[in-house]
């Protein structure tokens, strides 16, 4: 004869010893995420500030061809003047 399993028995609840390491690991991962978010922002700002290599080549070519005035115009446009 088969025994019937009682449906009134609640599953075992995790105790603090089970949960504490998980909470600590979650806190570590949240700190890592925050650090990575700051790093991404810093890299985005650095990328925005980086000069365009094509623009630098154009300025260099202008100077080599003796057209310093146009090189200065390009530089002014690049910095927002």
PDB file of N, CA and C in Angstrom:
ATOM      1  N   UNK A   1       0.828  -1.161   0.000  1.00  0.00           N
ATOM      2  CA  UNK A   1       0.000   0.000   0.000  1.00  0.00           C
ATOM      3  C   UNK A   1       0.892   1.250   0.000  1.00  0.00           C
ATOM      4  N   UNK A   2       0.513   2.245  -0.783  1.00  0.00           N
ATOM      5  CA  UNK A   2       1.282   3.484  -0.890  1.00  0.00           C
ATOM      6  C   UNK A   2       0.896   4.452   0.202  1.00  0.00           C
ATOM      7  N   UNK A   3       1.924   5.141   0.702  1.00  0.00           N
ATOM      8  CA  UNK A   3       1.637   6.192   1.676  1.00  0.00           C
ATOM      9  C   UNK A   3       1.342   7.484   0.930  1.00  0.00           C
ATOM     10  N   UNK A   4       0.399   8.187   1.382  1.00  0.00           N
ATOM     11  CA  UNK A   4       0.068   9.472   0.777  1.00  0.00           C
ATOM     12  C   UNK A   4       0.905  10.559   1.446  1.00  0.00           C
ATOM     13  N   UNK A   5       1.501  11.438   0.620  1.00  0.00           N
ATOM     14  CA  UNK A   5       2.316  12.527   1.146  1.00  0.00           C
ATOM     15  C   UNK A   5       1.403  13.650   1.580  1.00  0.00           C
ATOM     16  N   UNK A   6       1.629  14.096   2.779  1.00  0.00           N
ATOM     17  CA  UNK A   6       0.801  15.172   3.312  1.00  0.00           C
ATOM     18  C   UNK A   6       1.060  16.455   2.535  1.00  0.00           C
ATOM     19  N   UNK A   7       0.017  17.121   2.134  1.00  0.00           N
ATOM     20  CA  UNK A   7       0.136  18.370   1.393  1.00  0.00           C
ATOM     21  C   UNK A   7       0.207  19.567   2.327  1.00  0.00           C
ATOM     22  N   UNK A   8       0.159  19.341   3.599  1.00  0.00           N
ATOM     23  CA  UNK A   8       0.191  20.442   4.554  1.00  0.00           C
ATOM     24  C   UNK A   8       1.596  20.738   5.049  1.00  0.00           C
ATOM     25  N   UNK A   9       2.564  19.931   4.696  1.00  0.00           N
ATOM     26  CA  UNK A   9       3.943  20.163   5.133  1.00  0.00           C
ATOM     27  C   UNK A   9       4.559  21.236   4.237  1.00  0.00           C
ATOM     28  N   UNK A  10       4.995  22.299   4.858  1.00  0.00           N
ATOM     29  CA  UNK A  10       5.609  23.404   4.112  1.00  0.00           C
ATOM     30  C   UNK A  10       7.051  23.042   3.776  1.00  0.00           C
ATOM     31  N   UNK A  11       7.541  23.522   2.639  1.00  0.00           N
ATOM     32  CA  UNK A  11       8.950  23.262   2.320  1.00  0.00           C
ATOM     33  C   UNK A  11       9.853  23.938   3.353  1.00  0.00           C
ATOM     34  N   UNK A  12      11.021  23.394   3.503  1.00  0.00           N
ATOM     35  CA  UNK A  12      11.974  23.916   4.479  1.00  0.00           C
ATOM     36  C   UNK A  12      12.357  25.341   4.105  1.00  0.00           C
ATOM     37  N   UNK A  13      12.294  26.248   5.053  1.00  0.00           N
ATOM     38  CA  UNK A  13      12.678  27.639   4.843  1.00  0.00           C
ATOM     39  C   UNK A  13      14.185  27.761   5.053  1.00  0.00           C
ATOM     40  N   UNK A  14      14.870  28.474   4.183  1.00  0.00           N
ATOM     41  CA  UNK A  14      16.305  28.634   4.380  1.00  0.00           C
ATOM     42  C   UNK A  14      16.571  29.456   5.636  1.00  0.00           C
ATOM     43  N   UNK A  15      17.612  29.067   6.346  1.00  0.00           N
ATOM     44  CA  UNK A  15      17.956  29.847   7.539  1.00  0.00           C
ATOM     45  C   UNK A  15      19.031  30.869   7.183  1.00  0.00           C
ATOM     46  N   UNK A  16      19.416  31.672   8.143  1.00  0.00           N
ATOM     47  CA  UNK A  16      20.383  32.746   7.904  1.00  0.00           C
ATOM     48  C   UNK A  16      21.724  32.219   7.403  1.00  0.00           C
ATOM     49  N   UNK A  17      22.096  31.025   7.818  1.00  0.00           N
ATOM     50  CA  UNK A  17      23.362  30.448   7.366  1.00  0.00           C
ATOM     51  C   UNK A  17      23.338  30.154   5.867  1.00  0.00           C
ATOM     52  N   UNK A  18      22.160  29.853   5.328  1.00  0.00           N
ATOM     53  CA  UNK A  18      22.027  29.594   3.895  1.00  0.00           C
ATOM     54  C   UNK A  18      21.989  30.890   3.094  1.00  0.00           C
ATOM     55  N   UNK A  19      21.362  31.911   3.632  1.00  0.00           N
ATOM     56  CA  UNK A  19      21.094  33.147   2.910  1.00  0.00           C
ATOM     57  C   UNK A  19      22.259  34.136   2.982  1.00  0.00           C
ATOM     58  N   UNK A  20      22.964  34.176   4.077  1.00  0.00           N
ATOM     59  CA  UNK A  20      24.025  35.168   4.275  1.00  0.00           C
ATOM     60  C   UNK A  20      25.086  35.143   3.182  1.00  0.00           C
ATOM     61  N   UNK A  21      25.613  33.973   2.783  1.00  0.00           N
ATOM     62  CA  UNK A  21      26.620  33.978   1.710  1.00  0.00           C
ATOM     63  C   UNK A  21      26.051  34.483   0.385  1.00  0.00           C
ATOM     64  N   UNK A  22      24.790  34.187   0.118  1.00  0.00           N
ATOM     65  CA  UNK A  22      24.170  34.657  -1.120  1.00  0.00           C
ATOM     66  C   UNK A  22      24.012  36.171  -1.106  1.00  0.00           C
ATOM     67  N   UNK A  23      23.587  36.711   0.027  1.00  0.00           N
ATOM     68  CA  UNK A  23      23.446  38.161   0.138  1.00  0.00           C
ATOM     69  C   UNK A  23      24.804  38.853   0.019  1.00  0.00           C
ATOM     70  N   UNK A  24      25.826  38.256   0.584  1.00  0.00           N
ATOM     71  CA  UNK A  24      27.171  38.837   0.491  1.00  0.00           C
ATOM     72  C   UNK A  24      27.644  38.842  -0.958  1.00  0.00           C
ATOM     73  N   UNK A  25      27.396  37.766  -1.674  1.00  0.00           N
ATOM     74  CA  UNK A  25      27.804  37.686  -3.082  1.00  0.00           C
ATOM     75  C   UNK A  25      27.022  38.681  -3.931  1.00  0.00           C
ATOM     76  N   UNK A  26      25.744  38.848  -3.642  1.00  0.00           N
ATOM     77  CA  UNK A  26      24.940  39.836  -4.358  1.00  0.00           C
ATOM     78  C   UNK A  26      25.502  41.233  -4.129  1.00  0.00           C
ATOM     79  N   UNK A  27      25.880  41.546  -2.903  1.00  0.00           N
ATOM     80  CA  UNK A  27      26.459  42.861  -2.595  1.00  0.00           C
ATOM     81  C   UNK A  27      27.776  43.068  -3.352  1.00  0.00           C
ATOM     82  N   UNK A  28      28.602  42.024  -3.427  1.00  0.00           N
ATOM     83  CA  UNK A  28      29.857  42.112  -4.176  1.00  0.00           C
ATOM     84  C   UNK A  28      29.588  42.400  -5.653  1.00  0.00           C
ATOM     85  N   UNK A  29      28.634  41.681  -6.223  1.00  0.00           N
ATOM     86  CA  UNK A  29      28.308  41.869  -7.644  1.00  0.00           C
ATOM     87  C   UNK A  29      27.728  43.259  -7.902  1.00  0.00           C
ATOM     88  N   UNK A  30      26.915  43.757  -6.979  1.00  0.00           N
ATOM     89  CA  UNK A  30      26.364  45.105  -7.133  1.00  0.00           C
ATOM     90  C   UNK A  30      27.482  46.149  -7.114  1.00  0.00           C
ATOM     91  N   UNK A  31      28.485  45.945  -6.248  1.00  0.00           N
ATOM     92  CA  UNK A  31      29.638  46.857  -6.213  1.00  0.00           C
ATOM     93  C   UNK A  31      30.415  46.802  -7.523  1.00  0.00           C
ATOM     94  N   UNK A  32      30.611  45.594  -8.045  1.00  0.00           N
ATOM     95  CA  UNK A  32      31.318  45.454  -9.323  1.00  0.00           C
ATOM     96  C   UNK A  32      30.554  46.147 -10.443  1.00  0.00           C
ATOM     97  N   UNK A  33      29.239  46.006 -10.443  1.00  0.00           N
ATOM     98  CA  UNK A  33      28.415  46.655 -11.470  1.00  0.00           C
ATOM     99  C   UNK A  33      28.550  48.163 -11.372  1.00  0.00           C
ATOM    100  N   UNK A  34      28.501  48.700 -10.165  1.00  0.00           N
ATOM    101  CA  UNK A  34      28.629  50.147  -9.981  1.00  0.00           C
ATOM    102  C   UNK A  34      29.988  50.632 -10.487  1.00  0.00           C
ATOM    103  N   UNK A  35      31.043  49.881 -10.185  1.00  0.00           N
ATOM    104  CA  UNK A  35      32.384  50.246 -10.660  1.00  0.00           C
ATOM    105  C   UNK A  35      32.444  50.214 -12.191  1.00  0.00           C
ATOM    106  N   UNK A  36      31.845  49.201 -12.791  1.00  0.00           N
ATOM    107  CA  UNK A  36      31.841  49.093 -14.254  1.00  0.00           C
ATOM    108  C   UNK A  36      31.031  50.220 -14.901  1.00  0.00           C
ATOM    109  N   UNK A  37      29.930  50.614 -14.268  1.00  0.00           N
ATOM    110  CA  UNK A  37      29.138  51.716 -14.805  1.00  0.00           C
ATOM    111  C   UNK A  37      29.951  53.011 -14.813  1.00  0.00           C
ATOM    112  N   UNK A  38      30.697  53.252 -13.742  1.00  0.00           N
ATOM    113  CA  UNK A  38      31.554  54.445 -13.671  1.00  0.00           C
ATOM    114  C   UNK A  38      32.632  54.367 -14.742  1.00  0.00           C
ATOM    115  N   UNK A  39      33.224  53.195 -14.926  1.00  0.00           N
ATOM    116  CA  UNK A  39      34.269  53.024 -15.939  1.00  0.00           C
ATOM    117  C   UNK A  39      33.712  53.269 -17.342  1.00  0.00           C
ATOM    118  N   UNK A  40      32.504  52.796 -17.612  1.00  0.00           N
ATOM    119  CA  UNK A  40      31.880  53.009 -18.921  1.00  0.00           C
ATOM    120  C   UNK A  40      31.671  54.506 -19.164  1.00  0.00           C
ATOM    121  N   UNK A  41      31.183  55.205 -18.161  1.00  0.00           N
ATOM    122  CA  UNK A  41      30.979  56.653 -18.299  1.00  0.00           C
ATOM    123  C   UNK A  41      32.298  57.353 -18.579  1.00  0.00           C
ATOM    124  N   UNK A  42      33.344  56.986 -17.839  1.00  0.00           N
ATOM    125  CA  UNK A  42      34.665  57.582 -18.053  1.00  0.00           C
ATOM    126  C   UNK A  42      35.169  57.321 -19.471  1.00  0.00           C
ATOM    127  N   UNK A  43      35.005  56.097 -19.951  1.00  0.00           N
ATOM    128  CA  UNK A  43      35.455  55.756 -21.303  1.00  0.00           C
ATOM    129  C   UNK A  43      34.647  56.488 -22.373  1.00  0.00           C
ATOM    130  N   UNK A  44      33.356  56.649 -22.143  1.00  0.00           N
ATOM    131  CA  UNK A  44      32.533  57.394 -23.099  1.00  0.00           C
ATOM    132  C   UNK A  44      32.986  58.851 -23.185  1.00  0.00           C
ATOM    133  N   UNK A  45      33.281  59.446 -22.033  1.00  0.00           N
ATOM    134  CA  UNK A  45      33.769  60.832 -22.022  1.00  0.00           C
ATOM    135  C   UNK A  45      35.122  60.945 -22.721  1.00  0.00           C
ATOM    136  N   UNK A  46      35.983  59.971 -22.473  1.00  0.00           N
ATOM    137  CA  UNK A  46      37.301  59.961 -23.120  1.00  0.00           C
ATOM    138  C   UNK A  46      37.167  59.811 -24.630  1.00  0.00           C
ATOM    139  N   UNK A  47      36.248  58.972 -25.053  1.00  0.00           N
ATOM    140  CA  UNK A  47      36.018  58.762 -26.481  1.00  0.00           C
ATOM    141  C   UNK A  47      35.501  60.036 -27.143  1.00  0.00           C
ATOM    142  N   UNK A  48      34.582  60.727 -26.467  1.00  0.00           N
ATOM    143  CA  UNK A  48      34.058  61.978 -27.009  1.00  0.00           C
ATOM    144  C   UNK A  48      35.146  63.038 -27.135  1.00  0.00           C
ATOM    145  N   UNK A  49      36.099  63.017 -26.211  1.00  0.00           N
ATOM    146  CA  UNK A  49      37.160  64.027 -26.210  1.00  0.00           C
ATOM    147  C   UNK A  49      38.300  63.680 -27.169  1.00  0.00           C
ATOM    148  N   UNK A  50      38.351  62.441 -27.627  1.00  0.00           N
ATOM    149  CA  UNK A  50      39.444  62.020 -28.512  1.00  0.00           C
ATOM    150  C   UNK A  50      39.315  62.719 -29.868  1.00  0.00           C
ATOM    151  N   UNK A  51      40.436  63.200 -30.379  1.00  0.00           N
ATOM    152  CA  UNK A  51      40.381  63.865 -31.683  1.00  0.00           C
ATOM    153  C   UNK A  51      40.112  62.869 -32.803  1.00  0.00           C
ATOM    154  N   UNK A  52      39.428  63.349 -33.805  1.00  0.00           N
ATOM    155  CA  UNK A  52      39.121  62.541 -34.980  1.00  0.00           C
ATOM    156  C   UNK A  52      40.408  62.340 -35.782  1.00  0.00           C
ATOM    157  N   UNK A  53      40.832  61.097 -36.040  1.00  0.00           N
ATOM    158  CA  UNK A  53      42.078  60.868 -36.764  1.00  0.00           C
ATOM    159  C   UNK A  53      42.056  61.464 -38.176  1.00  0.00           C
ATOM    160  N   UNK A  54      40.911  61.461 -38.814  1.00  0.00           N
ATOM    161  CA  UNK A  54      40.818  62.064 -40.153  1.00  0.00           C
ATOM    162  C   UNK A  54      41.027  63.571 -40.083  1.00  0.00           C
ATOM    163  N   UNK A  55      40.470  64.191 -39.064  1.00  0.00           N
ATOM    164  CA  UNK A  55      40.650  65.628 -38.888  1.00  0.00           C
ATOM    165  C   UNK A  55      42.121  65.949 -38.647  1.00  0.00           C
ATOM    166  N   UNK A  56      42.766  65.149 -37.805  1.00  0.00           N
ATOM    167  CA  UNK A  56      44.193  65.377 -37.551  1.00  0.00           C
ATOM    168  C   UNK A  56      45.003  65.240 -38.839  1.00  0.00           C
ATOM    169  N   UNK A  57      44.662  64.270 -39.655  1.00  0.00           N
ATOM    170  CA  UNK A  57      45.374  64.079 -40.924  1.00  0.00           C
ATOM    171  C   UNK A  57      45.140  65.276 -41.845  1.00  0.00           C
ATOM    172  N   UNK A  58      43.903  65.779 -41.870  1.00  0.00           N
ATOM    173  CA  UNK A  58      43.600  66.953 -42.700  1.00  0.00           C
ATOM    174  C   UNK A  58      44.379  68.179 -42.228  1.00  0.00           C
ATOM    175  N   UNK A  59      44.441  68.372 -40.930  1.00  0.00           N
ATOM    176  CA  UNK A  59      45.190  69.521 -40.384  1.00  0.00           C
ATOM    177  C   UNK A  59      46.667  69.385 -40.717  1.00  0.00           C
ATOM    178  N   UNK A  60      47.200  68.196 -40.542  1.00  0.00           N
ATOM    179  CA  UNK A  60      48.615  67.955 -40.851  1.00  0.00           C
ATOM    180  C   UNK A  60      48.891  68.232 -42.336  1.00  0.00           C
ATOM    181  N   UNK A  61      48.003  67.771 -43.192  1.00  0.00           N
ATOM    182  CA  UNK A  61      48.170  67.989 -44.623  1.00  0.00           C
ATOM    183  C   UNK A  61      48.107  69.485 -44.960  1.00  0.00           C
ATOM    184  N   UNK A  62      47.161  70.199 -44.327  1.00  0.00           N
ATOM    185  CA  UNK A  62      47.065  71.647 -44.552  1.00  0.00           C
ATOM    186  C   UNK A  62      48.373  72.342 -44.166  1.00  0.00           C
ATOM    187  N   UNK A  63      48.924  71.969 -43.039  1.00  0.00           N
ATOM    188  CA  UNK A  63      50.173  72.600 -42.571  1.00  0.00           C
ATOM    189  C   UNK A  63      51.322  72.247 -43.517  1.00  0.00           C
ATOM    190  N   UNK A  64      51.395  70.979 -43.934  1.00  0.00           N
ATOM    191  CA  UNK A  64      52.467  70.563 -44.850  1.00  0.00           C
ATOM    192  C   UNK A  64      52.380  71.295 -46.186  1.00  0.00           C
ATOM    193  N   UNK A  65      51.154  71.638 -46.599  1.00  0.00           N
ATOM    194  CA  UNK A  65      50.968  72.348 -47.865  1.00  0.00           C
ATOM    195  C   UNK A  65      51.090  73.866 -47.685  1.00  0.00           C
ATOM    196  N   UNK A  66      51.395  74.275 -46.472  1.00  0.00           N
ATOM    197  CA  UNK A  66      51.589  75.699 -46.218  1.00  0.00           C
ATOM    198  C   UNK A  66      50.302  76.474 -46.006  1.00  0.00           C
ATOM    199  N   UNK A  67      49.214  75.810 -45.831  1.00  0.00           N
ATOM    200  CA  UNK A  67      47.931  76.480 -45.637  1.00  0.00           C
ATOM    201  C   UNK A  67      47.587  76.507 -44.142  1.00  0.00           C
ATOM    202  N   UNK A  68      48.379  77.257 -43.394  1.00  0.00           N
ATOM    203  CA  UNK A  68      48.201  77.335 -41.945  1.00  0.00           C
ATOM    204  C   UNK A  68      46.851  77.958 -41.582  1.00  0.00           C
ATOM    205  N   UNK A  69      46.409  78.908 -42.402  1.00  0.00           N
ATOM    206  CA  UNK A  69      45.133  79.569 -42.103  1.00  0.00           C
ATOM    207  C   UNK A  69      43.985  78.557 -42.108  1.00  0.00           C
ATOM    208  N   UNK A  70      43.937  77.700 -43.121  1.00  0.00           N
ATOM    209  CA  UNK A  70      42.858  76.716 -43.177  1.00  0.00           C
ATOM    210  C   UNK A  70      43.014  75.677 -42.065  1.00  0.00           C
ATOM    211  N   UNK A  71      44.259  75.349 -41.717  1.00  0.00           N
ATOM    212  CA  UNK A  71      44.487  74.419 -40.606  1.00  0.00           C
ATOM    213  C   UNK A  71      43.926  75.001 -39.319  1.00  0.00           C
ATOM    214  N   UNK A  72      44.130  76.319 -39.126  1.00  0.00           N
ATOM    215  CA  UNK A  72      43.591  76.961 -37.928  1.00  0.00           C
ATOM    216  C   UNK A  72      42.060  76.989 -37.948  1.00  0.00           C
ATOM    217  N   UNK A  73      41.483  77.161 -39.119  1.00  0.00           N
ATOM    218  CA  UNK A  73      40.014  77.116 -39.237  1.00  0.00           C
ATOM    219  C   UNK A  73      39.504  75.739 -38.833  1.00  0.00           C
ATOM    220  N   UNK A  74      40.169  74.685 -39.315  1.00  0.00           N
ATOM    221  CA  UNK A  74      39.765  73.316 -38.949  1.00  0.00           C
ATOM    222  C   UNK A  74      39.892  73.098 -37.435  1.00  0.00           C
ATOM    223  N   UNK A  75      40.988  73.605 -36.874  1.00  0.00           N
ATOM    224  CA  UNK A  75      41.197  73.445 -35.420  1.00  0.00           C
ATOM    225  C   UNK A  75      40.083  74.184 -34.664  1.00  0.00           C
ATOM    226  N   UNK A  76      39.781  75.402 -35.120  1.00  0.00           N
ATOM    227  CA  UNK A  76      38.724  76.163 -34.468  1.00  0.00           C
ATOM    228  C   UNK A  76      37.391  75.449 -34.519  1.00  0.00           C
ATOM    229  N   UNK A  77      37.053  74.891 -35.653  1.00  0.00           N
ATOM    230  CA  UNK A  77      35.788  74.153 -35.788  1.00  0.00           C
ATOM    231  C   UNK A  77      35.787  72.915 -34.874  1.00  0.00           C
ATOM    232  N   UNK A  78      36.946  72.276 -34.783  1.00  0.00           N
ATOM    233  CA  UNK A  78      37.032  71.058 -33.967  1.00  0.00           C
ATOM    234  C   UNK A  78      36.798  71.361 -32.491  1.00  0.00           C
ATOM    235  N   UNK A  79      37.213  72.540 -32.045  1.00  0.00           N
ATOM    236  CA  UNK A  79      37.035  72.860 -30.619  1.00  0.00           C
ATOM    237  C   UNK A  79      35.781  73.709 -30.371  1.00  0.00           C
ATOM    238  N   UNK A  80      35.012  73.912 -31.425  1.00  0.00           N
ATOM    239  CA  UNK A  80      33.731  74.574 -31.244  1.00  0.00           C
ATOM    240  C   UNK A  80      33.753  76.086 -31.333  1.00  0.00           C
ATOM    241  N   UNK A  81      34.726  76.643 -31.976  1.00  0.00           N
ATOM    242  CA  UNK A  81      34.771  78.110 -32.149  1.00  0.00           C
ATOM    243  C   UNK A  81      34.014  78.505 -33.367  1.00  0.00           C
TER     244      UNK A  81
END
